[in-house]
Amino acid sequence: MRYAFQLKIEDWHSLLLDLSGENTVYVPVRSHKDIDYKIFTKDISQVVYNVAKPVTPLKSFLLPVKENVVIEKKNNNKQVIIGIPACDLKALGILDEIYLDTNFPDPFYKDRRERSVLIGTDCYEVCEDCHCTTYGVEPYPADHADASISLIDKDIIVAVHTDKGEELLKQASAIYNPQEPRSEILTIIEGKRNESKKRLRENNPTLPDYQTTGELIKKSSDDIWMKHSRTCVSCGACAVICPTCTCFLLIDRPDFEKVRQVDACQYPGFERIAAGEDPLHKKFIRFRNRYLCKYVWKPESFNSIACTGCGRCIESCIGNISKNKIFIEMNATT
């Protein structure tokens, strides 16, 4: 952290409105039971802070579900994304390794990444399926954030981490006369962070860590995957909503249109090749394949973890499948 400042919530919202003039500003908004990103407007009644996570992962801002990759895109506007949970920020580690590879950088991802200002948030709310700390991820921004925020009473405490964050937020110093955070406020923030970590530990006392999970999967038999995949409908929701899954198809269309579209290893035919051969034609094998990728194969190829414990795959599964319960069962039977 470079420095931090404190603003009244009214001044913070005025600053966001000012920033909206030249940038597209996204904030987390509560709608019924769900929280998701929406473009910031004068209506601030539903804006929320320090929540566990929006429904949409950060990945969706950088890798659209579908796009034509042969059309040159020119967009100089920044997208300012506010309220990003630590699990999504941590997921940028593996996305950057894949899409910003020195030899084969993806120009579309790179452009969006450079035009994005990422403002993270502490999680003072913990969902039932959150398990970030089990995989070594703290419930507050520690990686890849340009700035981070916490709402304490009616004050926003902003920590600036990068040049990009400083450039964006220098307007606050020029107009709103922010104050240095009071020591008691910083003490409250530290206490809330510790409380969140405590709740996460209490919610996941027997869930194995990332490395142990990989070892359990490598040793597992077909029986456990056949058992837990029975209710899987191969909808692919778990992969599409995952902040670290990156598979896609390239679809050729007339007039030299080439469309990149999100793909998922849970779809039938994901690995089908010539003559109809398909090593993943059995559902339980496709089901196991996803976890082998996340906990075994990705760690062999990349430095970043491929699951950050957000729990979205559990929450989105219409088959009511919990990977956490599978790994706890594996751990208990070894």
C-alpha atoms as a PDB file:
ATOM      1  CA  MET A   1       0.000   0.000   0.000  1.00  0.00           C
ATOM      2  CA  ARG A   2       1.312   3.455  -0.932  1.00  0.00           C
ATOM      3  CA  TYR A   3      -1.031   5.537   1.161  1.00  0.00           C
ATOM      4  CA  ALA A   4      -4.628   5.678   2.386  1.00  0.00           C
ATOM      5  CA  PHE A   5      -7.234   8.369   2.830  1.00  0.00           C
ATOM      6  CA  GLN A   6     -10.683   8.722   4.348  1.00  0.00           C
ATOM      7  CA  LEU A   7     -13.765  10.287   2.732  1.00  0.00           C
ATOM      8  CA  LYS A   8     -17.357  10.792   3.759  1.00  0.00           C
ATOM      9  CA  ILE A   9     -19.582   8.376   1.856  1.00  0.00           C
ATOM     10  CA  GLU A  10     -21.366  11.325   0.206  1.00  0.00           C
ATOM     11  CA  ASP A  11     -18.056  12.677  -1.104  1.00  0.00           C
ATOM     12  CA  TRP A  12     -17.064   9.231  -2.330  1.00  0.00           C
ATOM     13  CA  HIS A  13     -20.262   8.924  -4.351  1.00  0.00           C
ATOM     14  CA  SER A  14     -19.732  12.432  -5.732  1.00  0.00           C
ATOM     15  CA  LEU A  15     -16.229  11.389  -6.775  1.00  0.00           C
ATOM     16  CA  LEU A  16     -17.614   8.304  -8.545  1.00  0.00           C
ATOM     17  CA  LEU A  17     -20.126  10.467 -10.363  1.00  0.00           C
ATOM     18  CA  ASP A  18     -17.291  12.757 -11.480  1.00  0.00           C
ATOM     19  CA  LEU A  19     -15.265   9.775 -12.664  1.00  0.00           C
ATOM     20  CA  SER A  20     -18.257   8.498 -14.642  1.00  0.00           C
ATOM     21  CA  GLY A  21     -17.891  11.414 -17.030  1.00  0.00           C
ATOM     22  CA  GLU A  22     -14.811   9.957 -18.757  1.00  0.00           C
ATOM     23  CA  ASN A  23     -14.904   6.357 -17.549  1.00  0.00           C
ATOM     24  CA  THR A  24     -17.374   3.504 -17.241  1.00  0.00           C
ATOM     25  CA  VAL A  25     -17.709   2.942 -13.502  1.00  0.00           C
ATOM     26  CA  TYR A  26     -19.132  -0.333 -12.191  1.00  0.00           C
ATOM     27  CA  VAL A  27     -20.309  -0.824  -8.595  1.00  0.00           C
ATOM     28  CA  PRO A  28     -21.823  -3.802  -6.737  1.00  0.00           C
ATOM     29  CA  VAL A  29     -25.588  -3.410  -6.431  1.00  0.00           C
ATOM     30  CA  ARG A  30     -28.048  -5.498  -4.421  1.00  0.00           C
ATOM     31  CA  SER A  31     -31.120  -6.651  -6.318  1.00  0.00           C
ATOM     32  CA  HIS A  32     -33.450  -8.842  -4.284  1.00  0.00           C
ATOM     33  CA  LYS A  33     -31.161 -11.565  -2.874  1.00  0.00           C
ATOM     34  CA  ASP A  34     -28.371 -11.197  -5.412  1.00  0.00           C
ATOM     35  CA  ILE A  35     -25.456  -8.788  -5.718  1.00  0.00           C
ATOM     36  CA  ASP A  36     -23.985  -7.925  -9.097  1.00  0.00           C
ATOM     37  CA  TYR A  37     -22.131  -5.143 -10.905  1.00  0.00           C
ATOM     38  CA  LYS A  38     -24.028  -2.298 -12.547  1.00  0.00           C
ATOM     39  CA  ILE A  39     -22.913   0.956 -14.113  1.00  0.00           C
ATOM     40  CA  PHE A  40     -22.830   3.689 -11.478  1.00  0.00           C
ATOM     41  CA  THR A  41     -25.610   6.288 -11.635  1.00  0.00           C
ATOM     42  CA  LYS A  42     -27.015   8.953  -9.351  1.00  0.00           C
ATOM     43  CA  ASP A  43     -29.224   6.286  -7.753  1.00  0.00           C
ATOM     44  CA  ILE A  44     -27.017   4.991  -4.941  1.00  0.00           C
ATOM     45  CA  SER A  45     -29.727   3.374  -2.849  1.00  0.00           C
ATOM     46  CA  GLN A  46     -28.778  -0.195  -3.801  1.00  0.00           C
ATOM     47  CA  VAL A  47     -24.975   0.165  -3.865  1.00  0.00           C
ATOM     48  CA  VAL A  48     -23.334  -2.151  -1.333  1.00  0.00           C
ATOM     49  CA  TYR A  49     -19.832  -2.424   0.118  1.00  0.00           C
ATOM     50  CA  ASN A  50     -17.748  -5.109   1.820  1.00  0.00           C
ATOM     51  CA  VAL A  51     -19.982  -7.930   0.592  1.00  0.00           C
ATOM     52  CA  ALA A  52     -18.708 -11.442  -0.037  1.00  0.00           C
ATOM     53  CA  LYS A  53     -18.847 -11.386  -3.847  1.00  0.00           C
ATOM     54  CA  PRO A  54     -20.993 -10.268  -6.786  1.00  0.00           C
ATOM     55  CA  VAL A  55     -22.550 -12.992  -8.934  1.00  0.00           C
ATOM     56  CA  THR A  56     -20.443 -12.017 -11.964  1.00  0.00           C
ATOM     57  CA  PRO A  57     -16.734 -12.837 -11.657  1.00  0.00           C
ATOM     58  CA  LEU A  58     -14.141 -10.226 -12.585  1.00  0.00           C
ATOM     59  CA  LYS A  59     -13.110 -12.497 -15.479  1.00  0.00           C
ATOM     60  CA  SER A  60     -16.229 -11.462 -17.414  1.00  0.00           C
ATOM     61  CA  PHE A  61     -14.956  -7.872 -17.764  1.00  0.00           C
ATOM     62  CA  LEU A  62     -11.754  -9.100 -19.402  1.00  0.00           C
ATOM     63  CA  LEU A  63     -12.957 -12.180 -21.300  1.00  0.00           C
ATOM     64  CA  PRO A  64     -16.480 -11.698 -22.689  1.00  0.00           C
ATOM     65  CA  VAL A  65     -18.645 -14.771 -23.147  1.00  0.00           C
ATOM     66  CA  LYS A  66     -18.602 -14.147 -26.911  1.00  0.00           C
ATOM     67  CA  GLU A  67     -16.618 -11.786 -29.173  1.00  0.00           C
ATOM     68  CA  ASN A  68     -15.451 -11.477 -32.766  1.00  0.00           C
ATOM     69  CA  VAL A  69     -11.657 -11.612 -32.617  1.00  0.00           C
ATOM     70  CA  VAL A  70     -10.933 -10.419 -36.158  1.00  0.00           C
ATOM     71  CA  ILE A  71     -12.608  -7.038 -35.776  1.00  0.00           C
ATOM     72  CA  GLU A  72     -10.222  -4.319 -34.631  1.00  0.00           C
ATOM     73  CA  LYS A  73     -11.644  -2.609 -31.571  1.00  0.00           C
ATOM     74  CA  LYS A  74     -10.730   0.927 -30.571  1.00  0.00           C
ATOM     75  CA  ASN A  75     -11.846   1.935 -27.110  1.00  0.00           C
ATOM     76  CA  ASN A  76      -9.852   4.369 -25.031  1.00  0.00           C
ATOM     77  CA  ASN A  77     -12.285   4.618 -22.132  1.00  0.00           C
ATOM     78  CA  LYS A  78     -11.238   3.152 -18.817  1.00  0.00           C
ATOM     79  CA  GLN A  79     -13.515   0.726 -17.017  1.00  0.00           C
ATOM     80  CA  VAL A  80     -13.366   1.295 -13.281  1.00  0.00           C
ATOM     81  CA  ILE A  81     -14.555  -1.785 -11.418  1.00  0.00           C
ATOM     82  CA  ILE A  82     -15.304  -1.197  -7.742  1.00  0.00           C
ATOM     83  CA  GLY A  83     -15.917  -3.721  -4.989  1.00  0.00           C
ATOM     84  CA  ILE A  84     -13.901  -6.660  -6.358  1.00  0.00           C
ATOM     85  CA  PRO A  85     -13.449  -9.456  -3.796  1.00  0.00           C
ATOM     86  CA  ALA A  86      -9.998 -10.844  -3.084  1.00  0.00           C
ATOM     87  CA  CYS A  87     -10.852 -14.238  -4.606  1.00  0.00           C
ATOM     88  CA  ASP A  88     -11.451 -12.613  -8.012  1.00  0.00           C
ATOM     89  CA  LEU A  89      -8.330 -10.457  -7.768  1.00  0.00           C
ATOM     90  CA  LYS A  90      -6.261 -13.518  -6.907  1.00  0.00           C
ATOM     91  CA  ALA A  91      -7.708 -15.284  -9.966  1.00  0.00           C
ATOM     92  CA  LEU A  92      -6.029 -12.687 -12.193  1.00  0.00           C
ATOM     93  CA  GLY A  93      -2.752 -14.429 -11.427  1.00  0.00           C
ATOM     94  CA  ILE A  94      -3.522 -17.392 -13.658  1.00  0.00           C
ATOM     95  CA  LEU A  95      -5.461 -15.334 -16.232  1.00  0.00           C
ATOM     96  CA  ASP A  96      -2.450 -13.046 -16.655  1.00  0.00           C
ATOM     97  CA  GLU A  97      -0.080 -15.991 -16.950  1.00  0.00           C
ATOM     98  CA  ILE A  98      -2.206 -17.453 -19.747  1.00  0.00           C
ATOM     99  CA  TYR A  99      -3.341 -14.377 -21.673  1.00  0.00           C
ATOM    100  CA  LEU A 100      -0.314 -12.120 -21.150  1.00  0.00           C
ATOM    101  CA  ASP A 101       2.227 -14.810 -21.947  1.00  0.00           C
ATOM    102  CA  THR A 102       5.324 -13.095 -23.342  1.00  0.00           C
ATOM    103  CA  ASN A 103       5.399 -15.248 -26.486  1.00  0.00           C
ATOM    104  CA  PHE A 104       1.645 -15.312 -27.182  1.00  0.00           C
ATOM    105  CA  PRO A 105      -0.109 -12.342 -25.564  1.00  0.00           C
ATOM    106  CA  ASP A 106      -3.816 -11.992 -26.255  1.00  0.00           C
ATOM    107  CA  PRO A 107      -4.322  -8.438 -27.615  1.00  0.00           C
ATOM    108  CA  PHE A 108      -7.982  -8.243 -26.589  1.00  0.00           C
ATOM    109  CA  TYR A 109      -7.347  -9.347 -23.018  1.00  0.00           C
ATOM    110  CA  LYS A 110      -4.291  -7.109 -22.805  1.00  0.00           C
ATOM    111  CA  ASP A 111      -6.242  -4.065 -23.990  1.00  0.00           C
ATOM    112  CA  ARG A 112      -9.049  -4.593 -21.477  1.00  0.00           C
ATOM    113  CA  ARG A 113      -6.574  -5.328 -18.700  1.00  0.00           C
ATOM    114  CA  GLU A 114      -4.691  -2.083 -19.381  1.00  0.00           C
ATOM    115  CA  ARG A 115      -7.907  -0.049 -19.570  1.00  0.00           C
ATOM    116  CA  SER A 116      -9.266  -1.482 -16.317  1.00  0.00           C
ATOM    117  CA  VAL A 117      -8.790   0.116 -12.919  1.00  0.00           C
ATOM    118  CA  LEU A 118      -9.442  -2.498 -10.275  1.00  0.00           C
ATOM    119  CA  ILE A 119     -10.673  -1.365  -6.876  1.00  0.00           C
ATOM    120  CA  GLY A 120     -10.963  -4.223  -4.434  1.00  0.00           C
ATOM    121  CA  THR A 121     -12.887  -4.515  -1.204  1.00  0.00           C
ATOM    122  CA  ASP A 122     -12.558  -6.208   2.150  1.00  0.00           C
ATOM    123  CA  CYS A 123     -15.126  -8.969   2.706  1.00  0.00           C
ATOM    124  CA  TYR A 124     -16.896  -8.374   6.004  1.00  0.00           C
ATOM    125  CA  GLU A 125     -19.649 -10.752   4.921  1.00  0.00           C
ATOM    126  CA  VAL A 126     -18.972 -14.474   4.446  1.00  0.00           C
ATOM    127  CA  CYS A 127     -21.157 -16.771   2.349  1.00  0.00           C
ATOM    128  CA  GLU A 128     -21.772 -20.388   3.259  1.00  0.00           C
ATOM    129  CA  ASP A 129     -19.598 -21.731   0.432  1.00  0.00           C
ATOM    130  CA  CYS A 130     -16.726 -19.219   0.669  1.00  0.00           C
ATOM    131  CA  HIS A 131     -13.419 -20.967   1.394  1.00  0.00           C
ATOM    132  CA  CYS A 132     -10.684 -18.597   0.190  1.00  0.00           C
ATOM    133  CA  THR A 133      -8.521 -18.864   3.310  1.00  0.00           C
ATOM    134  CA  THR A 134      -8.281 -22.655   2.910  1.00  0.00           C
ATOM    135  CA  TYR A 135      -6.339 -21.974  -0.290  1.00  0.00           C
ATOM    136  CA  GLY A 136      -4.193 -19.233   1.207  1.00  0.00           C
ATOM    137  CA  VAL A 137      -6.259 -16.266  -0.028  1.00  0.00           C
ATOM    138  CA  GLU A 138      -7.043 -13.547   2.504  1.00  0.00           C
ATOM    139  CA  PRO A 139     -10.587 -12.060   2.522  1.00  0.00           C
ATOM    140  CA  TYR A 140      -9.232  -8.632   1.617  1.00  0.00           C
ATOM    141  CA  PRO A 141      -7.249  -7.333  -1.390  1.00  0.00           C
ATOM    142  CA  ALA A 142      -3.630  -8.464  -1.428  1.00  0.00           C
ATOM    143  CA  ASP A 143      -2.916  -8.981  -5.133  1.00  0.00           C
ATOM    144  CA  HIS A 144      -3.602  -7.149  -8.410  1.00  0.00           C
ATOM    145  CA  ALA A 145      -5.736  -4.326  -6.969  1.00  0.00           C
ATOM    146  CA  ASP A 146      -4.999  -0.746  -8.044  1.00  0.00           C
ATOM    147  CA  ALA A 147      -6.799   0.456  -4.919  1.00  0.00           C
ATOM    148  CA  SER A 148      -9.055  -0.983  -2.231  1.00  0.00           C
ATOM    149  CA  ILE A 149     -11.919   0.313  -0.108  1.00  0.00           C
ATOM    150  CA  SER A 150     -13.694  -0.321   3.173  1.00  0.00           C
ATOM    151  CA  LEU A 151     -16.874   1.263   4.443  1.00  0.00           C
ATOM    152  CA  ILE A 152     -16.783   1.957   8.182  1.00  0.00           C
ATOM    153  CA  ASP A 153     -19.889   3.674   9.512  1.00  0.00           C
ATOM    154  CA  LYS A 154     -20.353   6.554   7.043  1.00  0.00           C
ATOM    155  CA  ASP A 155     -16.745   6.841   5.908  1.00  0.00           C
ATOM    156  CA  ILE A 156     -14.966   5.218   2.980  1.00  0.00           C
ATOM    157  CA  ILE A 157     -11.327   4.334   3.624  1.00  0.00           C
ATOM    158  CA  VAL A 158      -9.377   4.103   0.363  1.00  0.00           C
ATOM    159  CA  ALA A 159      -5.962   2.466   0.086  1.00  0.00           C
ATOM    160  CA  VAL A 160      -3.963   3.222  -3.080  1.00  0.00           C
ATOM    161  CA  HIS A 161      -1.671   0.452  -4.372  1.00  0.00           C
ATOM    162  CA  THR A 162      -0.490   1.309  -7.914  1.00  0.00           C
ATOM    163  CA  ASP A 163       0.283   4.178 -10.297  1.00  0.00           C
ATOM    164  CA  LYS A 164      -2.979   3.466 -12.087  1.00  0.00           C
ATOM    165  CA  GLY A 165      -4.944   3.747  -8.862  1.00  0.00           C
ATOM    166  CA  GLU A 166      -3.127   6.924  -7.883  1.00  0.00           C
ATOM    167  CA  GLU A 167      -3.769   8.538 -11.248  1.00  0.00           C
ATOM    168  CA  LEU A 168      -7.485   7.794 -11.067  1.00  0.00           C
ATOM    169  CA  LEU A 169      -7.990   8.892  -7.469  1.00  0.00           C
ATOM    170  CA  LYS A 170      -5.843  12.031  -7.468  1.00  0.00           C
ATOM    171  CA  GLN A 171      -9.075  13.914  -8.169  1.00  0.00           C
ATOM    172  CA  ALA A 172     -10.174  13.116  -4.619  1.00  0.00           C
ATOM    173  CA  SER A 173      -7.241  15.054  -3.197  1.00  0.00           C
ATOM    174  CA  ALA A 174      -7.862  17.990  -5.506  1.00  0.00           C
ATOM    175  CA  ILE A 175     -11.571  18.435  -4.779  1.00  0.00           C
ATOM    176  CA  TYR A 176     -12.756  16.597  -1.688  1.00  0.00           C
ATOM    177  CA  ASN A 177      -9.949  17.253   0.783  1.00  0.00           C
ATOM    178  CA  PRO A 178      -9.683  13.687   2.092  1.00  0.00           C
ATOM    179  CA  GLN A 179      -8.257  13.043   5.538  1.00  0.00           C
ATOM    180  CA  GLU A 180      -5.688  10.529   6.704  1.00  0.00           C
ATOM    181  CA  PRO A 181      -7.516   7.541   8.260  1.00  0.00           C
ATOM    182  CA  ARG A 182      -7.896   7.817  12.007  1.00  0.00           C
ATOM    183  CA  SER A 183      -6.044   5.168  13.999  1.00  0.00           C
ATOM    184  CA  GLU A 184      -9.267   3.868  15.555  1.00  0.00           C
ATOM    185  CA  ILE A 185     -10.700   3.309  12.057  1.00  0.00           C
ATOM    186  CA  LEU A 186      -7.667   1.245  11.063  1.00  0.00           C
ATOM    187  CA  THR A 187      -8.072  -0.793  14.254  1.00  0.00           C
ATOM    188  CA  ILE A 188     -11.706  -1.481  13.363  1.00  0.00           C
ATOM    189  CA  ILE A 189     -10.699  -2.619   9.866  1.00  0.00           C
ATOM    190  CA  GLU A 190      -8.089  -4.989  11.276  1.00  0.00           C
ATOM    191  CA  GLY A 191     -10.647  -6.407  13.700  1.00  0.00           C
ATOM    192  CA  LYS A 192     -13.184  -6.979  10.924  1.00  0.00           C
ATOM    193  CA  ARG A 193     -10.589  -8.716   8.782  1.00  0.00           C
ATOM    194  CA  ASN A 194      -9.676 -11.050  11.626  1.00  0.00           C
ATOM    195  CA  GLU A 195     -13.336 -11.784  12.281  1.00  0.00           C
ATOM    196  CA  SER A 196     -13.881 -12.728   8.628  1.00  0.00           C
ATOM    197  CA  LYS A 197     -10.868 -15.046   8.694  1.00  0.00           C
ATOM    198  CA  LYS A 198     -12.162 -16.641  11.874  1.00  0.00           C
ATOM    199  CA  ARG A 199     -15.605 -17.297  10.363  1.00  0.00           C
ATOM    200  CA  LEU A 200     -14.039 -18.786   7.240  1.00  0.00           C
ATOM    201  CA  ARG A 201     -11.921 -21.150   9.347  1.00  0.00           C
ATOM    202  CA  GLU A 202     -14.952 -22.165  11.381  1.00  0.00           C
ATOM    203  CA  ASN A 203     -16.999 -22.813   8.227  1.00  0.00           C
ATOM    204  CA  ASN A 204     -14.332 -25.051   6.651  1.00  0.00           C
ATOM    205  CA  PRO A 205     -12.560 -26.888   9.483  1.00  0.00           C
ATOM    206  CA  THR A 206     -12.000 -30.159   7.588  1.00  0.00           C
ATOM    207  CA  LEU A 207     -11.640 -28.912   4.005  1.00  0.00           C
ATOM    208  CA  PRO A 208      -8.164 -29.883   2.711  1.00  0.00           C
ATOM    209  CA  ASP A 209      -5.849 -27.200   1.351  1.00  0.00           C
ATOM    210  CA  TYR A 210      -5.069 -26.688  -2.338  1.00  0.00           C
ATOM    211  CA  GLN A 211      -2.028 -28.946  -2.590  1.00  0.00           C
ATOM    212  CA  THR A 212      -3.564 -31.731  -0.500  1.00  0.00           C
ATOM    213  CA  THR A 213      -6.680 -31.638  -2.670  1.00  0.00           C
ATOM    214  CA  GLY A 214      -4.570 -32.265  -5.751  1.00  0.00           C
ATOM    215  CA  GLU A 215      -2.967 -35.292  -4.129  1.00  0.00           C
ATOM    216  CA  LEU A 216      -6.377 -36.656  -3.091  1.00  0.00           C
ATOM    217  CA  ILE A 217      -7.730 -36.291  -6.628  1.00  0.00           C
ATOM    218  CA  LYS A 218      -4.738 -38.111  -8.136  1.00  0.00           C
ATOM    219  CA  LYS A 219      -5.301 -41.049  -5.759  1.00  0.00           C
ATOM    220  CA  SER A 220      -9.096 -41.136  -6.090  1.00  0.00           C
ATOM    221  CA  SER A 221     -11.048 -44.037  -7.601  1.00  0.00           C
ATOM    222  CA  ASP A 222     -13.797 -43.875 -10.208  1.00  0.00           C
ATOM    223  CA  ASP A 223     -16.440 -44.705  -7.600  1.00  0.00           C
ATOM    224  CA  ILE A 224     -16.468 -41.336  -5.857  1.00  0.00           C
ATOM    225  CA  TRP A 225     -16.759 -39.443  -9.162  1.00  0.00           C
ATOM    226  CA  MET A 226     -19.547 -41.695 -10.405  1.00  0.00           C
ATOM    227  CA  LYS A 227     -21.368 -41.158  -7.120  1.00  0.00           C
ATOM    228  CA  HIS A 228     -21.166 -37.364  -7.077  1.00  0.00           C
ATOM    229  CA  SER A 229     -21.707 -36.802 -10.808  1.00  0.00           C
ATOM    230  CA  ARG A 230     -25.119 -38.489 -10.856  1.00  0.00           C
ATOM    231  CA  THR A 231     -27.003 -35.206 -10.536  1.00  0.00           C
ATOM    232  CA  CYS A 232     -24.735 -33.283 -12.936  1.00  0.00           C
ATOM    233  CA  VAL A 233     -26.668 -32.148 -16.031  1.00  0.00           C
ATOM    234  CA  SER A 234     -23.553 -30.984 -17.951  1.00  0.00           C
ATOM    235  CA  CYS A 235     -24.821 -27.405 -18.055  1.00  0.00           C
ATOM    236  CA  GLY A 236     -21.312 -25.945 -17.666  1.00  0.00           C
ATOM    237  CA  ALA A 237     -22.409 -23.287 -15.160  1.00  0.00           C
ATOM    238  CA  CYS A 238     -19.568 -24.193 -12.799  1.00  0.00           C
ATOM    239  CA  ALA A 239     -16.931 -23.483 -15.447  1.00  0.00           C
ATOM    240  CA  VAL A 240     -18.527 -20.407 -17.005  1.00  0.00           C
ATOM    241  CA  ILE A 241     -18.956 -18.641 -13.655  1.00  0.00           C
ATOM    242  CA  CYS A 242     -15.530 -19.696 -12.351  1.00  0.00           C
ATOM    243  CA  PRO A 243     -13.067 -16.771 -12.094  1.00  0.00           C
ATOM    244  CA  THR A 244     -10.159 -18.929 -13.319  1.00  0.00           C
ATOM    245  CA  CYS A 245     -11.613 -21.214 -16.033  1.00  0.00           C
ATOM    246  CA  THR A 246     -10.383 -20.091 -19.467  1.00  0.00           C
ATOM    247  CA  CYS A 247     -11.460 -22.628 -22.107  1.00  0.00           C
ATOM    248  CA  PHE A 248     -12.985 -21.264 -25.314  1.00  0.00           C
ATOM    249  CA  LEU A 249     -14.008 -22.246 -28.842  1.00  0.00           C
ATOM    250  CA  LEU A 250     -13.088 -20.419 -32.048  1.00  0.00           C
ATOM    251  CA  ILE A 251     -16.032 -20.532 -34.443  1.00  0.00           C
ATOM    252  CA  ASP A 252     -15.549 -19.639 -38.114  1.00  0.00           C
ATOM    253  CA  ARG A 253     -18.459 -17.834 -39.764  1.00  0.00           C
ATOM    254  CA  PRO A 254     -19.023 -16.296 -43.230  1.00  0.00           C
ATOM    255  CA  ASP A 255     -17.369 -13.005 -44.187  1.00  0.00           C
ATOM    256  CA  PHE A 256     -14.230 -13.815 -42.232  1.00  0.00           C
ATOM    257  CA  GLU A 257     -15.975 -13.700 -38.910  1.00  0.00           C
ATOM    258  CA  LYS A 258     -14.171 -15.637 -36.196  1.00  0.00           C
ATOM    259  CA  VAL A 259     -15.959 -15.789 -32.863  1.00  0.00           C
ATOM    260  CA  ARG A 260     -14.328 -16.717 -29.588  1.00  0.00           C
ATOM    261  CA  GLN A 261     -16.900 -18.214 -27.246  1.00  0.00           C
ATOM    262  CA  VAL A 262     -16.614 -19.569 -23.721  1.00  0.00           C
ATOM    263  CA  ASP A 263     -16.437 -23.353 -23.587  1.00  0.00           C
ATOM    264  CA  ALA A 264     -16.657 -25.751 -20.644  1.00  0.00           C
ATOM    265  CA  CYS A 265     -15.205 -29.206 -20.064  1.00  0.00           C
ATOM    266  CA  GLN A 266     -18.570 -30.303 -18.642  1.00  0.00           C
ATOM    267  CA  TYR A 267     -20.251 -30.016 -22.054  1.00  0.00           C
ATOM    268  CA  PRO A 268     -20.736 -33.301 -23.950  1.00  0.00           C
ATOM    269  CA  GLY A 269     -18.422 -33.280 -26.935  1.00  0.00           C
ATOM    270  CA  PHE A 270     -15.863 -30.983 -25.298  1.00  0.00           C
ATOM    271  CA  GLU A 271     -12.986 -33.278 -26.366  1.00  0.00           C
ATOM    272  CA  ARG A 272     -14.675 -34.995 -29.317  1.00  0.00           C
ATOM    273  CA  ILE A 273     -12.250 -35.335 -32.236  1.00  0.00           C
ATOM    274  CA  ALA A 274     -12.159 -36.869 -35.724  1.00  0.00           C
ATOM    275  CA  ALA A 275     -14.130 -40.076 -36.298  1.00  0.00           C
ATOM    276  CA  GLY A 276     -16.185 -39.304 -33.203  1.00  0.00           C
ATOM    277  CA  GLU A 277     -13.577 -40.326 -30.652  1.00  0.00           C
ATOM    278  CA  ASP A 278     -14.163 -38.645 -27.289  1.00  0.00           C
ATOM    279  CA  PRO A 279     -12.002 -39.434 -24.236  1.00  0.00           C
ATOM    280  CA  LEU A 280     -14.470 -37.525 -22.034  1.00  0.00           C
ATOM    281  CA  HIS A 281     -17.673 -39.075 -23.372  1.00  0.00           C
ATOM    282  CA  LYS A 282     -18.620 -40.488 -19.961  1.00  0.00           C
ATOM    283  CA  LYS A 283     -20.108 -37.900 -17.636  1.00  0.00           C
ATOM    284  CA  PHE A 284     -18.162 -38.890 -14.529  1.00  0.00           C
ATOM    285  CA  ILE A 285     -14.896 -38.623 -16.494  1.00  0.00           C
ATOM    286  CA  ARG A 286     -15.783 -35.077 -17.636  1.00  0.00           C
ATOM    287  CA  PHE A 287     -16.740 -34.295 -14.065  1.00  0.00           C
ATOM    288  CA  ARG A 288     -13.386 -35.487 -12.723  1.00  0.00           C
ATOM    289  CA  ASN A 289     -11.514 -33.788 -15.568  1.00  0.00           C
ATOM    290  CA  ARG A 290     -12.444 -30.313 -14.296  1.00  0.00           C
ATOM    291  CA  TYR A 291     -10.908 -30.948 -10.888  1.00  0.00           C
ATOM    292  CA  LEU A 292      -7.834 -32.622 -12.349  1.00  0.00           C
ATOM    293  CA  CYS A 293      -7.336 -29.472 -14.410  1.00  0.00           C
ATOM    294  CA  LYS A 294      -7.721 -27.125 -11.441  1.00  0.00           C
ATOM    295  CA  TYR A 295      -5.795 -28.983  -8.780  1.00  0.00           C
ATOM    296  CA  VAL A 296      -3.300 -31.171 -10.681  1.00  0.00           C
ATOM    297  CA  TRP A 297      -2.542 -30.065 -14.250  1.00  0.00           C
ATOM    298  CA  LYS A 298      -2.660 -26.278 -13.804  1.00  0.00           C
ATOM    299  CA  PRO A 299      -0.233 -26.342 -10.833  1.00  0.00           C
ATOM    300  CA  GLU A 300       2.167 -28.299 -13.045  1.00  0.00           C
ATOM    301  CA  SER A 301       2.139 -25.561 -15.707  1.00  0.00           C
ATOM    302  CA  PHE A 302       1.579 -22.289 -13.858  1.00  0.00           C
ATOM    303  CA  ASN A 303       2.708 -20.514 -10.703  1.00  0.00           C
ATOM    304  CA  SER A 304      -0.791 -19.305  -9.762  1.00  0.00           C
ATOM    305  CA  ILE A 305      -3.560 -21.338  -8.174  1.00  0.00           C
ATOM    306  CA  ALA A 306      -6.521 -22.330 -10.363  1.00  0.00           C
ATOM    307  CA  CYS A 307      -9.147 -22.187  -7.618  1.00  0.00           C
ATOM    308  CA  THR A 308      -9.381 -19.235  -5.248  1.00  0.00           C
ATOM    309  CA  GLY A 309     -12.207 -20.534  -3.061  1.00  0.00           C
ATOM    310  CA  CYS A 310     -15.019 -18.210  -4.172  1.00  0.00           C
ATOM    311  CA  GLY A 311     -17.633 -20.988  -4.020  1.00  0.00           C
ATOM    312  CA  ARG A 312     -19.546 -19.788  -7.092  1.00  0.00           C
ATOM    313  CA  CYS A 313     -19.436 -23.241  -8.713  1.00  0.00           C
ATOM    314  CA  ILE A 314     -21.259 -24.669  -5.698  1.00  0.00           C
ATOM    315  CA  GLU A 315     -23.840 -21.890  -5.625  1.00  0.00           C
ATOM    316  CA  SER A 316     -24.571 -22.096  -9.364  1.00  0.00           C
ATOM    317  CA  CYS A 317     -24.885 -25.889  -9.611  1.00  0.00           C
ATOM    318  CA  ILE A 318     -28.478 -26.923 -10.365  1.00  0.00           C
ATOM    319  CA  GLY A 319     -27.491 -30.480  -9.470  1.00  0.00           C
ATOM    320  CA  ASN A 320     -26.655 -29.363  -5.899  1.00  0.00           C
ATOM    321  CA  ILE A 321     -23.106 -30.669  -6.170  1.00  0.00           C
ATOM    322  CA  SER A 322     -20.570 -29.304  -3.697  1.00  0.00           C
ATOM    323  CA  LYS A 323     -16.928 -29.865  -4.547  1.00  0.00           C
ATOM    324  CA  ASN A 324     -16.089 -29.059  -0.939  1.00  0.00           C
ATOM    325  CA  LYS A 325     -18.168 -31.995   0.289  1.00  0.00           C
ATOM    326  CA  ILE A 326     -16.453 -34.252  -2.241  1.00  0.00           C
ATOM    327  CA  PHE A 327     -12.979 -33.251  -1.057  1.00  0.00           C
ATOM    328  CA  ILE A 328     -13.924 -33.515   2.619  1.00  0.00           C
ATOM    329  CA  GLU A 329     -15.224 -37.028   1.937  1.00  0.00           C
ATOM    330  CA  MET A 330     -12.002 -37.925   0.109  1.00  0.00           C
ATOM    331  CA  ASN A 331      -9.909 -36.574   2.944  1.00  0.00           C
ATOM    332  CA  ALA A 332     -11.880 -38.498   5.541  1.00  0.00           C
ATOM    333  CA  THR A 333     -11.534 -41.833   3.756  1.00  0.00           C
ATOM    334  CA  THR A 334      -7.789 -41.736   3.090  1.00  0.00           C
END
